[in-house]
């Protein structure tokens, strides 16, 4: 339920519930009892009370007259009179019976001295007046005089108005108390509902903002219903999670940056020191023959070229890491492209005493790829195979297989292999299988990391399988495409 609807319902409840309770109070306050004969509610006020009392009194006295004719002695029987008295107390009335001036029966509700002292005598005619209600607090509604066995018997029906007023006053106080309590309970329930639905969530958000201000992002915010506050809390929680992830990524980048600086310093320091040493040798005249001079110059050139390659690869990796490298994707036949790459690389591999083969069970697969970046991946994998080859002849096999929406390329060699404990790290920057970081192995330690970033940018994945002293297989996948555009050799960076 939205906050707007909840507020509207709360305002309606605060307005109409007291009104309904007031109406109910008025209805209950003016209600007497259900009349067994008439089966309806009588209103409590002097006029209505007298009307009901006179009606019931007249009914009782008619019954007495009938019974008097049948058996006069019944008027002196308390049990008989008590049966007539039943129900009169409900209208604040009662019966008083006198015999020769002495009371032989009296209802509890009219057993008061002010009433007894003021009763008329036998055969005394007293006019009935409503004024007696205000003056004496009771009303004489009926009087009948009978002669029973030479005894003077008088029967009175009296309404006790003071008792009725006192009862109504107590009822009024009781009903007022009930209405006030009901209003307070309703207000409490509505306030509690508003607190739980609005105030409490806002307090949670306030707490969360303070924690974020302190730099603490390791907490959870309780979810709330899908109203405006609930949506706000969900958005805030998503923001907290994004901030937490960003903080963790920033921390990871900071650690990587420190590692990167350390590795760069190490990898650059070694060739620089070598160059410095050979230059000092030339300056000091150590290279005192043309052969030695050529050796020193060639070494300096190789070290400078190694530094240049390291800087180029580091620059490329940084751009890939920041997603600032532009890709020129084309739909190509990967089989045709790999055949070209094998032909292009075979001469260089053969010079190093190796061979490369290509196998595919299908004539073509169309994929979307950047030709130059994909060539970089293949070269990096080949160079890695050359660096870690065994004494025996290097053999590289390129296999292609279909995998649903992807084409999987396997580049398998028969080199030294990778220890099982190191396999998970080979795509990390500056990783080398030789933990001593021997420069004689060559390379920057960024080749496979760059390959991983390029394949990810193609929407594929890259992984490795390896066994020590048997060989290594590096797999990467490329997403299939439906349209062939071909490729051009001039676009491939040799």
Protein backbone atom coordinates (compact mmCIF):
# COMPACT_ATOMS: atom_id res chain seq x y z
CA UNK A 1 0.00 0.00 0.00
CA UNK A 2 1.45 3.38 -0.97
CA UNK A 3 2.15 6.07 1.65
CA UNK A 4 -0.37 8.40 -0.01
CA UNK A 5 -3.18 5.85 0.37
CA UNK A 6 -2.03 5.03 3.90
CA UNK A 7 -2.11 8.72 4.90
CA UNK A 8 -5.54 9.21 3.32
CA UNK A 9 -6.93 6.18 5.16
CA UNK A 10 -5.37 7.38 8.42
CA UNK A 11 -6.96 10.83 8.06
CA UNK A 12 -10.30 9.25 7.21
CA UNK A 13 -10.00 6.97 10.23
CA UNK A 14 -9.12 9.84 12.55
CA UNK A 15 -12.16 11.81 11.35
CA UNK A 16 -14.86 9.19 10.90
CA UNK A 17 -14.05 6.71 13.68
CA UNK A 18 -14.68 9.30 16.47
CA UNK A 19 -17.89 10.33 14.68
CA UNK A 20 -19.09 6.72 14.50
CA UNK A 21 -18.17 6.17 18.14
CA UNK A 22 -20.06 9.31 19.13
CA UNK A 23 -23.14 8.16 17.24
CA UNK A 24 -22.85 4.74 18.84
CA UNK A 25 -22.46 6.37 22.24
CA UNK A 26 -25.57 8.46 21.73
CA UNK A 27 -27.50 5.40 20.59
CA UNK A 28 -26.39 3.34 23.60
CA UNK A 29 -26.98 6.22 25.99
CA UNK A 30 -30.59 6.64 24.94
CA UNK A 31 -31.39 2.94 24.86
CA UNK A 32 -33.18 1.12 27.67
CA UNK A 33 -33.98 -2.55 27.48
CA UNK A 34 -35.75 -4.71 24.96
CA UNK A 35 -39.44 -5.03 25.83
CA UNK A 36 -40.47 -8.67 25.74
CA UNK A 37 -43.98 -7.87 24.57
CA UNK A 38 -43.29 -5.05 22.14
CA UNK A 39 -39.75 -6.20 21.07
CA UNK A 40 -38.43 -2.70 20.42
CA UNK A 41 -36.06 -0.18 22.04
CA UNK A 42 -37.43 2.62 24.18
CA UNK A 43 -35.61 5.91 24.51
CA UNK A 44 -34.57 6.98 27.98
CA UNK A 45 -36.11 10.33 28.82
CA UNK A 46 -38.88 11.22 31.31
CA UNK A 47 -41.69 11.33 28.77
CA UNK A 48 -40.75 8.00 27.12
CA UNK A 49 -40.22 6.42 30.54
CA UNK A 50 -43.69 7.52 31.72
CA UNK A 51 -45.28 6.32 28.47
CA UNK A 52 -43.73 2.87 28.85
CA UNK A 53 -44.46 2.76 32.59
CA UNK A 54 -48.10 3.80 32.18
CA UNK A 55 -48.51 1.23 29.43
CA UNK A 56 -47.10 -1.57 31.54
CA UNK A 57 -48.89 -0.38 34.70
CA UNK A 58 -52.23 -0.34 32.95
CA UNK A 59 -51.55 -3.84 31.64
CA UNK A 60 -50.68 -5.12 35.14
CA UNK A 61 -53.73 -3.54 36.78
CA UNK A 62 -56.07 -4.99 34.19
CA UNK A 63 -54.69 -8.39 35.05
CA UNK A 64 -55.16 -7.63 38.80
CA UNK A 65 -58.79 -6.67 38.26
CA UNK A 66 -59.44 -9.97 36.50
CA UNK A 67 -57.67 -11.93 39.22
CA UNK A 68 -59.52 -9.95 41.92
CA UNK A 69 -62.84 -11.05 40.52
CA UNK A 70 -61.72 -14.67 40.49
CA UNK A 71 -59.99 -14.76 43.87
CA UNK A 72 -59.72 -11.67 46.09
CA UNK A 73 -57.30 -13.32 48.49
CA UNK A 74 -54.59 -13.47 45.78
CA UNK A 75 -53.99 -9.73 46.29
CA UNK A 76 -52.63 -10.57 49.74
CA UNK A 77 -50.25 -13.28 48.47
CA UNK A 78 -46.64 -11.93 48.20
CA UNK A 79 -45.75 -14.53 45.57
CA UNK A 80 -48.59 -13.39 43.38
CA UNK A 81 -47.59 -9.73 43.73
CA UNK A 82 -43.93 -10.62 43.02
CA UNK A 83 -45.01 -12.26 39.76
CA UNK A 84 -46.66 -8.98 38.78
CA UNK A 85 -43.53 -7.07 39.78
CA UNK A 86 -41.25 -8.98 37.42
CA UNK A 87 -40.02 -6.76 34.61
CA UNK A 88 -40.94 -3.45 36.26
CA UNK A 89 -37.41 -2.88 37.58
CA UNK A 90 -36.19 -2.74 33.98
CA UNK A 91 -38.16 0.51 33.56
CA UNK A 92 -37.09 1.76 37.02
CA UNK A 93 -40.57 1.02 38.51
CA UNK A 94 -41.94 -1.16 41.28
CA UNK A 95 -45.08 -2.24 43.21
CA UNK A 96 -46.06 -1.23 46.74
CA UNK A 97 -49.01 -3.02 48.38
CA UNK A 98 -50.64 -1.88 51.63
CA UNK A 99 -53.17 -3.65 53.84
CA UNK A 100 -55.00 -1.49 56.32
CA UNK A 101 -52.24 1.11 56.03
CA UNK A 102 -49.39 -1.35 56.54
CA UNK A 103 -47.00 -2.37 53.81
CA UNK A 104 -47.18 -6.04 52.95
CA UNK A 105 -45.05 -5.93 49.76
CA UNK A 106 -42.56 -3.44 48.36
CA UNK A 107 -40.14 -3.60 45.40
CA UNK A 108 -36.49 -2.86 46.21
CA UNK A 109 -36.26 -0.08 43.64
CA UNK A 110 -38.96 2.02 45.38
CA UNK A 111 -38.13 1.13 48.97
CA UNK A 112 -37.22 4.66 49.96
CA UNK A 113 -38.56 6.80 52.78
CA UNK A 114 -39.29 9.79 50.55
CA UNK A 115 -41.63 7.60 48.49
CA UNK A 116 -43.29 5.67 51.31
CA UNK A 117 -44.13 8.77 53.35
CA UNK A 118 -45.79 10.40 50.39
CA UNK A 119 -48.12 7.61 49.24
CA UNK A 120 -51.84 8.52 49.18
CA UNK A 121 -54.22 6.90 51.64
CA UNK A 122 -56.93 4.38 50.86
CA UNK A 123 -59.51 5.82 48.46
CA UNK A 124 -57.64 9.12 48.47
CA UNK A 125 -57.85 10.75 45.06
CA UNK A 126 -54.52 12.30 43.99
CA UNK A 127 -54.03 13.77 40.58
CA UNK A 128 -50.98 12.47 38.70
CA UNK A 129 -48.64 15.21 37.46
CA UNK A 130 -45.30 15.22 35.69
CA UNK A 131 -44.20 17.97 38.04
CA UNK A 132 -43.70 15.37 40.73
CA UNK A 133 -40.74 14.09 38.71
CA UNK A 134 -38.80 17.29 39.35
CA UNK A 135 -40.14 17.92 42.82
CA UNK A 136 -39.84 14.46 44.38
CA UNK A 137 -37.81 12.36 41.99
CA UNK A 138 -40.53 9.75 41.47
CA UNK A 139 -43.91 9.44 39.78
CA UNK A 140 -47.03 7.61 40.95
CA UNK A 141 -48.22 5.96 37.79
CA UNK A 142 -51.22 3.97 39.11
CA UNK A 143 -53.20 3.29 42.27
CA UNK A 144 -55.93 0.72 42.84
CA UNK A 145 -57.92 0.23 46.08
CA UNK A 146 -59.62 -3.06 46.90
CA UNK A 147 -61.65 -4.53 49.70
CA UNK A 148 -60.48 -7.98 50.59
CA UNK A 149 -62.18 -9.77 53.49
CA UNK A 150 -63.05 -6.44 55.12
CA UNK A 151 -59.43 -5.32 54.72
CA UNK A 152 -58.49 -2.15 52.90
CA UNK A 153 -55.91 -3.09 50.29
CA UNK A 154 -54.14 -0.50 48.12
CA UNK A 155 -51.74 -1.36 45.24
CA UNK A 156 -49.39 1.33 43.86
CA UNK A 157 -47.11 1.29 40.82
CA UNK A 158 -44.33 3.87 41.29
CA UNK A 159 -41.55 4.97 38.91
CA UNK A 160 -38.23 5.92 40.59
CA UNK A 161 -36.87 8.71 38.35
CA UNK A 162 -33.87 9.50 40.58
CA UNK A 163 -32.62 5.93 40.27
CA UNK A 164 -33.11 6.10 36.50
CA UNK A 165 -31.13 9.35 36.31
CA UNK A 166 -28.33 7.98 38.48
CA UNK A 167 -28.12 4.85 36.35
CA UNK A 168 -28.07 6.91 33.18
CA UNK A 169 -25.41 9.20 34.63
CA UNK A 170 -23.19 6.21 35.41
CA UNK A 171 -23.88 4.80 31.95
CA UNK A 172 -22.96 8.16 30.43
CA UNK A 173 -19.65 8.22 32.30
CA UNK A 174 -18.97 4.62 31.34
CA UNK A 175 -19.79 5.18 27.69
CA UNK A 176 -17.72 8.38 27.60
CA UNK A 177 -14.78 6.47 29.07
CA UNK A 178 -15.22 3.67 26.52
CA UNK A 179 -15.42 6.16 23.64
CA UNK A 180 -12.32 8.04 24.82
CA UNK A 181 -10.40 4.79 25.25
CA UNK A 182 -11.56 3.61 21.84
CA UNK A 183 -10.42 6.88 20.22
CA UNK A 184 -7.07 6.65 22.01
CA UNK A 185 -6.64 3.02 20.91
CA UNK A 186 -7.53 3.89 17.31
CA UNK A 187 -5.13 6.86 17.39
CA UNK A 188 -2.40 4.62 18.85
CA UNK A 189 -2.95 1.96 16.18
CA UNK A 190 -2.90 4.53 13.37
CA UNK A 191 0.16 6.25 14.85
CA UNK A 192 1.94 2.89 15.27
CA UNK A 193 1.08 2.03 11.67
CA UNK A 194 2.47 5.35 10.47
CA UNK A 195 5.57 4.88 12.65
CA UNK A 196 6.26 1.42 11.31
CA UNK A 197 5.49 2.40 7.74
CA UNK A 198 7.26 5.78 7.57
CA UNK A 199 9.17 6.91 10.68
CA UNK A 200 10.97 3.62 11.40
CA UNK A 201 12.23 3.16 7.79
CA UNK A 202 13.40 6.79 7.77
CA UNK A 203 15.31 6.16 11.01
CA UNK A 204 16.91 3.13 9.33
CA UNK A 205 17.93 5.32 6.40
CA UNK A 206 19.28 7.93 8.80
CA UNK A 207 21.38 5.27 10.52
CA UNK A 208 22.58 3.96 7.16
CA UNK A 209 23.65 7.43 5.97
CA UNK A 210 25.64 7.95 9.19
CA UNK A 211 27.38 4.59 8.71
CA UNK A 212 28.23 5.45 5.10
CA UNK A 213 29.49 8.85 6.24
CA UNK A 214 31.83 7.01 8.63
CA UNK A 215 33.01 4.88 5.72
CA UNK A 216 31.27 1.70 6.89
CA UNK A 217 29.57 -0.16 4.07
CA UNK A 218 29.36 -3.58 5.74
CA UNK A 219 25.77 -3.55 6.95
CA UNK A 220 22.35 -4.56 5.65
CA UNK A 221 19.14 -2.55 5.52
CA UNK A 222 15.94 -4.42 6.32
CA UNK A 223 13.60 -4.64 3.35
CA UNK A 224 10.17 -3.01 3.53
CA UNK A 225 6.94 -3.34 1.52
CA UNK A 226 6.84 -2.01 -2.01
CA UNK A 227 5.67 1.52 -1.24
CA UNK A 228 7.55 4.77 -1.78
CA UNK A 229 9.69 4.27 1.33
CA UNK A 230 10.32 0.63 0.37
CA UNK A 231 11.47 1.67 -3.11
CA UNK A 232 13.70 4.33 -1.58
CA UNK A 233 15.26 1.78 0.80
CA UNK A 234 15.79 -0.71 -2.04
CA UNK A 235 17.47 2.01 -4.13
CA UNK A 236 19.58 3.01 -1.14
CA UNK A 237 20.60 -0.63 -0.57
CA UNK A 238 21.54 -0.97 -4.24
CA UNK A 239 23.58 2.21 -3.96
CA UNK A 240 25.32 0.85 -0.84
CA UNK A 241 26.16 -2.39 -2.63
CA UNK A 242 27.49 -0.47 -5.64
CA UNK A 243 29.58 1.73 -3.35
CA UNK A 244 30.86 -1.36 -1.54
CA UNK A 245 31.74 -3.06 -4.82
CA UNK A 246 33.35 0.14 -6.09
CA UNK A 247 35.35 0.39 -2.87
CA UNK A 248 36.47 -3.22 -3.16
CA UNK A 249 37.38 -2.69 -6.84
CA UNK A 250 39.23 0.49 -5.90
CA UNK A 251 41.09 -1.42 -3.20
CA UNK A 252 41.92 -4.16 -5.67
CA UNK A 253 43.07 -1.61 -8.25
CA UNK A 254 45.20 0.07 -5.62
CA UNK A 255 46.83 -3.25 -4.76
CA UNK A 256 47.28 -3.99 -8.46
CA UNK A 257 48.75 -0.53 -8.97
CA UNK A 258 51.31 -1.11 -6.23
CA UNK A 259 52.13 -4.53 -7.68
CA UNK A 260 52.31 -2.99 -11.16
CA UNK A 261 54.74 -0.29 -10.05
CA UNK A 262 56.86 -2.85 -8.24
CA UNK A 263 56.97 -5.17 -11.25
CA UNK A 264 57.64 -2.35 -13.69
CA UNK A 265 60.47 -1.12 -11.49
CA UNK A 266 61.95 -4.61 -11.41
CA UNK A 267 61.52 -5.33 -15.12
CA UNK A 268 62.89 -1.96 -16.21
CA UNK A 269 65.71 -1.83 -13.71
CA UNK A 270 67.35 -5.03 -14.99
CA UNK A 271 67.79 -4.00 -18.67
CA UNK A 272 68.69 -0.45 -17.65
CA UNK A 273 71.44 -1.75 -15.40
CA UNK A 274 72.67 -3.99 -18.25
CA UNK A 275 72.66 -1.08 -20.70
CA UNK A 276 74.47 1.08 -18.17
CA UNK A 277 77.08 -1.63 -17.62
CA UNK A 278 77.80 -2.13 -21.32
CA UNK A 279 77.94 1.63 -21.95
CA UNK A 280 80.44 2.01 -19.11
CA UNK A 281 82.42 -0.87 -20.65
CA UNK A 282 82.54 0.95 -23.99
CA UNK A 283 83.43 4.25 -22.30
CA UNK A 284 86.21 2.60 -20.28
CA UNK A 285 87.63 0.96 -23.40
CA UNK A 286 86.76 -2.58 -22.45
CA UNK A 287 85.30 -3.13 -25.94
CA UNK A 288 88.73 -2.82 -27.51
CA UNK A 289 88.04 -4.90 -30.59
CA UNK A 290 85.46 -4.67 -33.39
CA UNK A 291 83.97 -8.05 -32.39
CA UNK A 292 83.56 -7.02 -28.74
CA UNK A 293 82.19 -3.63 -29.76
CA UNK A 294 79.57 -5.28 -31.97
CA UNK A 295 78.62 -7.61 -29.11
CA UNK A 296 78.21 -4.68 -26.69
CA UNK A 297 76.18 -2.63 -29.17
CA UNK A 298 73.92 -5.57 -30.09
CA UNK A 299 73.33 -6.33 -26.41
CA UNK A 300 72.46 -2.69 -25.72
CA UNK A 301 70.07 -2.76 -28.68
CA UNK A 302 68.39 -5.97 -27.48
CA UNK A 303 67.95 -4.56 -23.97
CA UNK A 304 66.50 -1.32 -25.33
CA UNK A 305 64.14 -3.27 -27.60
CA UNK A 306 63.07 -5.39 -24.63
CA UNK A 307 62.30 -2.21 -22.67
CA UNK A 308 60.36 -0.83 -25.65
CA UNK A 309 58.27 -4.01 -25.92
CA UNK A 310 57.65 -3.98 -22.19
CA UNK A 311 56.45 -0.37 -22.28
CA UNK A 312 54.27 -1.03 -25.36
CA UNK A 313 52.63 -4.04 -23.74
CA UNK A 314 52.17 -2.19 -20.47
CA UNK A 315 50.55 0.72 -22.31
CA UNK A 316 48.24 -1.64 -24.22
CA UNK A 317 47.27 -3.54 -21.09
CA UNK A 318 46.50 -0.29 -19.23
CA UNK A 319 44.23 0.84 -22.06
CA UNK A 320 42.50 -2.55 -22.13
CA UNK A 321 42.08 -2.48 -18.36
CA UNK A 322 40.42 0.95 -18.61
CA UNK A 323 38.28 -0.05 -21.62
CA UNK A 324 39.89 2.66 -23.73
CA UNK A 325 40.93 0.47 -26.66
CA UNK A 326 38.86 0.78 -29.84
CA UNK A 327 37.93 -2.51 -31.53
CA UNK A 328 37.20 -2.90 -35.23
CA UNK A 329 34.95 -5.96 -35.31
CA UNK A 330 34.37 -7.80 -38.59
CA UNK A 331 32.45 -10.94 -39.48
CA UNK A 332 35.10 -13.38 -40.71
CA UNK A 333 35.56 -17.05 -41.48
CA UNK A 334 37.73 -18.12 -38.53
CA UNK A 335 38.91 -21.27 -40.37
CA UNK A 336 40.21 -19.22 -43.30
CA UNK A 337 41.77 -16.73 -40.89
CA UNK A 338 43.54 -19.40 -38.78
CA UNK A 339 44.93 -21.04 -41.92
CA UNK A 340 46.43 -17.73 -42.90
CA UNK A 341 47.91 -17.26 -39.39
CA UNK A 342 49.46 -20.75 -39.45
CA UNK A 343 51.02 -20.05 -42.81
CA UNK A 344 52.31 -16.67 -41.62
CA UNK A 345 53.79 -18.03 -38.34
CA UNK A 346 55.22 -21.30 -39.61
CA UNK A 347 58.46 -19.71 -40.94
CA UNK A 348 59.33 -18.06 -37.59
CA UNK A 349 58.55 -21.24 -35.65
CA UNK A 350 60.57 -23.39 -38.01
CA UNK A 351 63.57 -21.07 -37.50
CA UNK A 352 63.36 -21.92 -33.79
CA UNK A 353 63.25 -25.64 -34.54
CA UNK A 354 59.47 -26.10 -34.17
CA UNK A 355 56.42 -26.78 -36.29
CA UNK A 356 52.78 -25.67 -36.29
CA UNK A 357 49.71 -27.48 -37.60
CA UNK A 358 46.04 -26.62 -38.02
CA UNK A 359 43.14 -29.09 -37.73
CA UNK A 360 39.43 -28.51 -38.26
CA UNK A 361 36.57 -30.88 -39.05
CA UNK A 362 34.45 -28.13 -40.63
CA UNK A 363 35.07 -25.89 -43.60
CA UNK A 364 33.97 -22.61 -42.06
CA UNK A 365 32.75 -20.84 -38.92
CA UNK A 366 31.69 -17.21 -39.09
CA UNK A 367 32.66 -15.13 -36.04
CA UNK A 368 32.87 -11.43 -35.17
CA UNK A 369 36.43 -10.38 -34.37
CA UNK A 370 39.02 -7.61 -34.53
CA UNK A 371 41.72 -9.03 -36.84
CA UNK A 372 44.69 -7.21 -35.35
CA UNK A 373 43.71 -7.88 -31.73
CA UNK A 374 42.99 -11.54 -32.48
CA UNK A 375 46.41 -11.85 -34.16
CA UNK A 376 47.93 -10.42 -30.98
CA UNK A 377 46.27 -13.17 -28.92
CA UNK A 378 47.60 -15.93 -31.21
CA UNK A 379 51.12 -14.44 -31.22
CA UNK A 380 51.16 -14.12 -27.42
CA UNK A 381 50.17 -17.78 -27.01
CA UNK A 382 52.74 -18.93 -29.58
CA UNK A 383 55.48 -16.85 -27.91
CA UNK A 384 54.55 -18.32 -24.55
CA UNK A 385 54.86 -21.84 -26.03
CA UNK A 386 58.28 -20.98 -27.47
CA UNK A 387 59.57 -19.54 -24.19
CA UNK A 388 58.62 -22.65 -22.20
CA UNK A 389 59.46 -25.35 -24.74
CA UNK A 390 61.46 -28.42 -23.80
CA UNK A 391 64.74 -29.58 -25.38
CA UNK A 392 62.83 -31.68 -27.89
CA UNK A 393 61.24 -30.18 -31.01
CA UNK A 394 58.35 -27.80 -30.29
CA UNK A 395 55.02 -28.83 -31.78
CA UNK A 396 52.00 -26.52 -31.78
CA UNK A 397 48.57 -27.78 -32.83
CA UNK A 398 45.61 -25.49 -33.48
CA UNK A 399 42.25 -27.26 -33.23
CA UNK A 400 38.77 -25.83 -33.77
CA UNK A 401 35.48 -27.20 -32.49
CA UNK A 402 31.85 -26.17 -32.41
CA UNK A 403 30.31 -25.27 -29.03
CA UNK A 404 26.67 -24.16 -29.53
CA UNK A 405 26.80 -20.35 -29.95
CA UNK A 406 30.60 -20.24 -29.77
CA UNK A 407 33.61 -21.50 -31.69
CA UNK A 408 36.37 -22.86 -29.43
CA UNK A 409 39.99 -22.59 -30.59
CA UNK A 410 42.57 -24.80 -28.86
CA UNK A 411 46.31 -24.00 -29.13
CA UNK A 412 48.17 -27.03 -27.84
CA UNK A 413 51.93 -27.41 -27.35
CA UNK A 414 54.27 -30.14 -26.07
CA UNK A 415 56.24 -27.84 -23.76
CA UNK A 416 57.20 -28.00 -20.09
CA UNK A 417 53.64 -27.57 -18.90
CA UNK A 418 52.41 -25.54 -15.94
CA UNK A 419 52.41 -26.71 -12.32
CA UNK A 420 48.87 -27.33 -11.08
CA UNK A 421 49.22 -24.76 -8.31
CA UNK A 422 50.12 -22.02 -10.83
CA UNK A 423 47.43 -22.63 -13.46
CA UNK A 424 44.96 -20.22 -11.82
CA UNK A 425 47.48 -17.37 -12.03
CA UNK A 426 48.75 -17.55 -15.61
CA UNK A 427 46.36 -14.85 -16.89
CA UNK A 428 47.42 -12.46 -14.11
CA UNK A 429 49.61 -9.52 -15.06
CA UNK A 430 53.37 -10.09 -14.75
CA UNK A 431 52.92 -13.80 -14.08
CA UNK A 432 55.79 -16.01 -15.23
CA UNK A 433 56.07 -19.74 -14.82
CA UNK A 434 59.66 -19.17 -13.79
CA UNK A 435 59.22 -17.66 -10.35
CA UNK A 436 62.82 -16.45 -10.35
CA UNK A 437 61.78 -13.98 -13.07
CA UNK A 438 64.86 -14.83 -15.07
CA UNK A 439 65.16 -12.25 -17.81
CA UNK A 440 66.75 -14.77 -20.12
CA UNK A 441 63.31 -16.25 -20.62
CA UNK A 442 62.18 -12.97 -22.08
CA UNK A 443 58.76 -11.38 -22.24
CA UNK A 444 56.99 -8.87 -20.04
CA UNK A 445 54.71 -11.19 -18.12
CA UNK A 446 51.73 -9.36 -19.67
CA UNK A 447 51.17 -11.44 -22.81
CA UNK A 448 48.52 -13.82 -21.51
CA UNK A 449 46.91 -11.05 -19.41
CA UNK A 450 46.55 -8.97 -22.58
CA UNK A 451 45.16 -11.99 -24.43
CA UNK A 452 42.58 -12.52 -21.69
CA UNK A 453 41.40 -8.90 -21.88
CA UNK A 454 41.13 -9.03 -25.68
CA UNK A 455 39.08 -12.25 -25.66
CA UNK A 456 36.77 -10.83 -22.95
CA UNK A 457 36.24 -7.75 -25.13
CA UNK A 458 35.15 -10.15 -27.90
CA UNK A 459 32.49 -11.59 -25.60
CA UNK A 460 34.33 -14.90 -25.24
CA UNK A 461 36.35 -16.63 -22.54
CA UNK A 462 39.86 -18.03 -22.21
CA UNK A 463 41.16 -20.90 -20.08
CA UNK A 464 44.02 -23.37 -19.82
CA UNK A 465 44.64 -27.07 -19.33
CA UNK A 466 48.16 -28.28 -18.63
CA UNK A 467 50.23 -31.20 -17.36
CA UNK A 468 53.84 -30.88 -16.36
CA UNK A 469 56.36 -32.30 -18.83
CA UNK A 470 53.54 -33.17 -21.24
CA UNK A 471 52.29 -29.85 -22.57
CA UNK A 472 49.78 -27.03 -22.32
CA UNK A 473 46.51 -26.31 -24.11
CA UNK A 474 45.16 -22.75 -24.10
CA UNK A 475 41.54 -22.44 -25.20
CA UNK A 476 39.60 -19.34 -26.17
CA UNK A 477 36.07 -18.97 -27.51
CA UNK A 478 34.58 -16.55 -30.03
CA UNK A 479 30.90 -15.90 -30.57
CA UNK A 480 29.43 -17.01 -33.87
CA UNK A 481 28.00 -14.58 -36.38
CA UNK A 482 25.57 -15.15 -39.27
CA UNK A 483 27.12 -13.00 -41.99
CA UNK A 484 30.51 -13.36 -43.63
CA UNK A 485 32.49 -10.28 -44.68
CA UNK A 486 35.88 -11.94 -45.18
CA UNK A 487 39.20 -10.57 -44.00
CA UNK A 488 42.11 -8.79 -45.65
CA UNK A 489 45.73 -9.64 -45.15
CA UNK A 490 46.73 -5.99 -45.25
CA UNK A 491 44.69 -5.37 -42.08
CA UNK A 492 46.69 -7.93 -40.11
CA UNK A 493 49.60 -6.56 -38.12
CA UNK A 494 52.59 -8.81 -38.80
